Amino acid sequence: MDIEELQTFVEVADAGGISQAALRLGVSKSIVSRRLARLEAELGVQLLARSTRGASLTEAGATFRDYAARVCTEIDIARETSTVGIDFSRYDLDEPIVYQHSEAGQSALEAFTRRSPGKVWTVRKLLEAMPLGSRILTLVGDGSLVADELCAWQQEADIDGFNLIRSVAPQSVRDFIRWVVPELQTRGVYKTTYATGTLREKLFGGAAHLPSTHYGASLRSP
């Protein structure tokens, strides 16, 4: 059973329709419909009663929605656990999260503990702040709308670039390349070709490899 299909089903159930869920997920309505069809085919049961006014849960769908939502929540908890190195499954949903040292993402943990004066973060609040399993700003829309938002950030804040965080691999990155990159290229803010040379040459100029005086060069295979 595909996690994307479960997440899509929960979104449709909670939003009350395919169009609303598609907007929240940032995908087309046809993609949502195909995911739902695959899930129902695999389960062998109708989960949603569709009409021109939206989609409502069948009796089986209402029961399955609770199980699916729990699975999706646990996946989001596991994802954040892997980021900060703290097993949030051991926390009660409303138990305050306190800073503790780990070998994982310290800055992420500090963001909602030490650097959040006046606010007490719990697992429940953390999940509510992660609409797609991430605390990162989520942009939803077609390629043009997402490009508009990225360009606005660049122009108003004078930032140098963006870190693209995938919610689902590899689809998130694939969709960005397919829909957003062409929009950015049309506006002249994204390259259309790659310069020749290695990354080292592009960043620092000069030779393609470490100089012989660098310690790393001594470890180079013959």
Protein backbone atom coordinates (compact mmCIF):
# COMPACT_ATOMS: atom_id res chain seq x y z
CA MET A 1 0.00 0.00 0.00
CA ASP A 2 1.48 3.32 -1.10
CA ILE A 3 1.88 6.06 1.52
CA GLU A 4 1.06 8.73 -1.07
CA GLU A 5 -2.30 7.07 -1.65
CA LEU A 6 -3.02 6.99 2.09
CA GLN A 7 -2.08 10.65 2.54
CA THR A 8 -4.17 11.63 -0.46
CA PHE A 9 -7.19 9.72 0.84
CA VAL A 10 -6.95 11.42 4.25
CA GLU A 11 -6.68 14.85 2.61
CA VAL A 12 -9.76 14.21 0.43
CA ALA A 13 -11.71 12.91 3.41
CA ASP A 14 -10.81 15.91 5.56
CA ALA A 15 -11.22 18.50 2.79
CA GLY A 16 -14.54 17.08 1.62
CA GLY A 17 -13.62 16.92 -2.03
CA ILE A 18 -10.99 16.17 -4.63
CA SER A 19 -10.50 19.78 -5.78
CA GLN A 20 -9.81 21.06 -2.28
CA ALA A 21 -7.47 18.18 -1.52
CA ALA A 22 -5.58 18.67 -4.78
CA LEU A 23 -4.99 22.32 -3.87
CA ARG A 24 -3.70 21.43 -0.41
CA LEU A 25 -1.43 18.71 -1.79
CA GLY A 26 -0.18 20.83 -4.66
CA VAL A 27 -1.04 18.28 -7.34
CA SER A 28 -3.63 18.04 -10.11
CA LYS A 29 -7.13 16.66 -9.57
CA SER A 30 -6.41 13.84 -12.01
CA ILE A 31 -3.46 12.69 -9.90
CA VAL A 32 -5.65 12.68 -6.79
CA SER A 33 -8.33 10.70 -8.60
CA ARG A 34 -5.83 8.12 -9.83
CA ARG A 35 -4.37 7.64 -6.37
CA LEU A 36 -7.82 7.12 -4.89
CA ALA A 37 -8.74 4.66 -7.62
CA ARG A 38 -5.59 2.61 -7.02
CA LEU A 39 -6.20 2.55 -3.26
CA GLU A 40 -9.83 1.46 -3.62
CA ALA A 41 -8.84 -1.17 -6.18
CA GLU A 42 -6.19 -2.58 -3.87
CA LEU A 43 -8.57 -2.68 -0.90
CA GLY A 44 -11.48 -3.92 -2.99
CA VAL A 45 -13.91 -1.46 -1.40
CA GLN A 46 -15.35 1.98 -2.13
CA LEU A 47 -14.00 4.51 0.34
CA LEU A 48 -15.59 7.68 -1.03
CA ALA A 49 -18.96 8.47 -2.55
CA ARG A 50 -18.28 11.06 -5.24
CA SER A 51 -20.73 13.65 -6.52
CA THR A 52 -20.69 17.04 -8.23
CA ARG A 53 -20.75 18.62 -4.76
CA GLY A 54 -17.69 16.83 -3.47
CA ALA A 55 -16.80 13.51 -1.89
CA SER A 56 -18.15 11.93 1.28
CA LEU A 57 -16.91 8.92 3.19
CA THR A 58 -18.67 5.60 2.87
CA GLU A 59 -19.08 3.53 6.02
CA ALA A 60 -15.94 1.59 5.16
CA GLY A 61 -14.16 4.81 4.27
CA ALA A 62 -14.97 6.40 7.63
CA THR A 63 -13.44 3.47 9.46
CA PHE A 64 -10.41 3.29 7.18
CA ARG A 65 -9.82 7.06 7.40
CA ASP A 66 -9.02 6.81 11.13
CA TYR A 67 -6.47 4.05 10.53
CA ALA A 68 -4.93 5.87 7.56
CA ALA A 69 -4.66 9.16 9.48
CA ARG A 70 -2.88 7.37 12.31
CA VAL A 71 -0.39 5.83 9.91
CA CYS A 72 0.27 9.21 8.26
CA THR A 73 0.76 10.85 11.67
CA GLU A 74 3.23 8.17 12.72
CA ILE A 75 5.14 8.65 9.47
CA ASP A 76 5.36 12.41 10.11
CA ILE A 77 6.58 11.71 13.65
CA ALA A 78 9.18 9.26 12.31
CA ARG A 79 10.36 11.83 9.76
CA GLU A 80 10.84 14.53 12.40
CA THR A 81 12.44 11.98 14.73
CA SER A 82 15.05 11.19 12.08
CA THR A 83 15.73 14.92 11.65
CA VAL A 84 16.38 15.86 15.27
CA GLY A 85 17.42 12.48 16.70
CA ILE A 86 14.73 12.31 19.38
CA ASP A 87 12.19 9.47 19.48
CA PHE A 88 8.95 11.45 19.52
CA SER A 89 6.92 8.24 19.57
CA ARG A 90 7.76 8.08 23.29
CA TYR A 91 6.18 11.49 23.87
CA ASP A 92 2.55 12.05 24.70
CA LEU A 93 1.01 14.26 21.99
CA ASP A 94 0.63 17.13 24.47
CA GLU A 95 3.89 16.62 26.36
CA PRO A 96 6.26 19.62 26.11
CA ILE A 97 9.36 19.05 23.98
CA VAL A 98 12.59 20.01 25.74
CA TYR A 99 16.02 20.43 24.22
CA GLN A 100 18.46 17.54 24.55
CA HIS A 101 21.70 16.88 22.78
CA SER A 102 21.70 14.39 19.93
CA GLU A 103 23.90 13.56 16.97
CA ALA A 104 21.25 14.73 14.50
CA GLY A 105 19.88 18.14 13.49
CA GLN A 106 20.61 20.37 16.47
CA SER A 107 19.53 23.59 14.76
CA ALA A 108 16.12 22.09 13.93
CA LEU A 109 15.59 21.05 17.56
CA GLU A 110 16.76 24.42 18.86
CA ALA A 111 14.28 26.15 16.53
CA PHE A 112 11.29 24.91 18.52
CA THR A 113 12.87 24.74 21.98
CA ARG A 114 15.58 27.27 22.83
CA ARG A 115 14.72 29.76 20.07
CA SER A 116 10.97 29.84 20.71
CA PRO A 117 10.61 32.06 23.78
CA GLY A 118 7.12 32.19 25.17
CA LYS A 119 5.89 29.15 23.23
CA VAL A 120 5.76 25.60 24.49
CA TRP A 121 6.06 23.10 21.66
CA THR A 122 4.41 19.70 21.89
CA VAL A 123 4.32 16.85 19.39
CA ARG A 124 0.74 17.80 18.53
CA LYS A 125 1.72 21.43 17.81
CA LEU A 126 4.73 20.24 15.81
CA LEU A 127 2.53 18.04 13.62
CA GLU A 128 0.04 20.87 13.11
CA ALA A 129 2.90 23.08 11.90
CA MET A 130 3.95 20.43 9.36
CA PRO A 131 1.22 20.30 6.68
CA LEU A 132 3.29 17.95 4.51
CA GLY A 133 5.57 16.46 7.13
CA SER A 134 7.95 19.40 7.16
CA ARG A 135 8.39 22.64 9.11
CA ILE A 136 9.52 24.34 5.91
CA LEU A 137 7.38 26.90 4.09
CA THR A 138 5.00 25.01 1.80
CA LEU A 139 4.11 26.56 -1.56
CA VAL A 140 1.04 25.17 -3.30
CA GLY A 141 -0.06 25.94 -6.84
CA ASP A 142 0.80 25.42 -10.47
CA GLY A 143 4.26 26.14 -11.88
CA SER A 144 3.48 29.80 -12.52
CA LEU A 145 2.16 30.48 -9.02
CA VAL A 146 5.11 28.77 -7.33
CA ALA A 147 7.53 30.68 -9.59
CA ASP A 148 5.76 33.93 -8.66
CA GLU A 149 6.32 33.24 -4.97
CA LEU A 150 9.96 32.25 -5.38
CA CYS A 151 10.71 35.33 -7.47
CA ALA A 152 8.98 37.55 -4.92
CA TRP A 153 11.13 36.17 -2.11
CA GLN A 154 14.27 36.68 -4.19
CA GLN A 155 13.41 40.25 -5.14
CA GLU A 156 12.15 41.41 -1.75
CA ALA A 157 14.64 39.61 0.51
CA ASP A 158 17.64 39.53 -1.87
CA ILE A 159 18.27 35.86 -1.14
CA ASP A 160 20.77 33.88 -3.19
CA GLY A 161 18.80 30.65 -3.62
CA PHE A 162 16.48 28.05 -2.15
CA ASN A 163 16.89 24.65 -0.55
CA LEU A 164 14.29 22.38 -2.14
CA ILE A 165 12.92 19.92 0.41
CA ARG A 166 11.09 16.88 -0.93
CA SER A 167 7.94 15.65 0.80
CA VAL A 168 7.80 12.53 -1.35
CA ALA A 169 10.83 11.13 -3.19
CA PRO A 170 11.34 11.36 -6.07
CA GLN A 171 8.00 12.88 -7.06
CA SER A 172 8.45 16.23 -5.29
CA VAL A 173 11.71 16.96 -7.09
CA ARG A 174 10.43 15.54 -10.37
CA ASP A 175 7.33 17.77 -10.28
CA PHE A 176 9.43 20.83 -9.46
CA ILE A 177 11.67 20.14 -12.47
CA ARG A 178 8.71 19.53 -14.74
CA TRP A 179 6.48 22.46 -13.76
CA VAL A 180 8.48 25.16 -11.96
CA VAL A 181 11.91 25.13 -13.60
CA PRO A 182 10.54 25.97 -17.09
CA GLU A 183 8.66 28.93 -15.60
CA LEU A 184 11.81 30.20 -13.91
CA GLN A 185 13.81 29.73 -17.11
CA THR A 186 11.23 31.69 -19.10
CA ARG A 187 11.67 34.57 -16.66
CA GLY A 188 15.44 34.45 -17.02
CA VAL A 189 16.14 33.59 -13.38
CA TYR A 190 17.20 29.96 -13.85
CA LYS A 191 19.98 28.68 -16.09
CA THR A 192 19.14 26.82 -19.27
CA THR A 193 22.58 25.24 -19.77
CA TYR A 194 25.44 24.13 -17.57
CA ALA A 195 28.85 25.75 -17.75
CA THR A 196 31.73 23.43 -18.56
CA GLY A 197 34.03 22.18 -15.85
CA THR A 198 33.77 20.53 -12.46
CA LEU A 199 31.96 22.00 -9.46
CA ARG A 200 35.36 22.88 -7.94
CA GLU A 201 36.27 24.88 -11.02
CA LYS A 202 32.96 26.72 -10.97
CA LEU A 203 33.21 27.58 -7.28
CA PHE A 204 36.88 28.39 -6.93
CA GLY A 205 38.32 28.61 -10.43
CA GLY A 206 41.64 27.01 -11.29
CA ALA A 207 42.28 23.27 -11.44
CA ALA A 208 39.62 20.56 -11.47
CA HIS A 209 41.33 18.64 -8.64
CA LEU A 210 42.89 19.39 -5.27
CA PRO A 211 46.41 20.83 -5.48
CA SER A 212 49.20 18.41 -4.68
CA THR A 213 49.98 20.38 -1.49
CA HIS A 214 46.53 19.63 -0.06
CA TYR A 215 46.32 16.72 2.40
CA GLY A 216 43.36 15.30 0.51
CA ALA A 217 45.54 14.88 -2.58
CA SER A 218 47.68 12.32 -0.72
CA LEU A 219 44.64 10.08 -0.40
CA ARG A 220 43.90 10.13 -4.13
CA SER A 221 43.92 6.75 -5.84
CA PRO A 222 46.70 6.30 -8.41
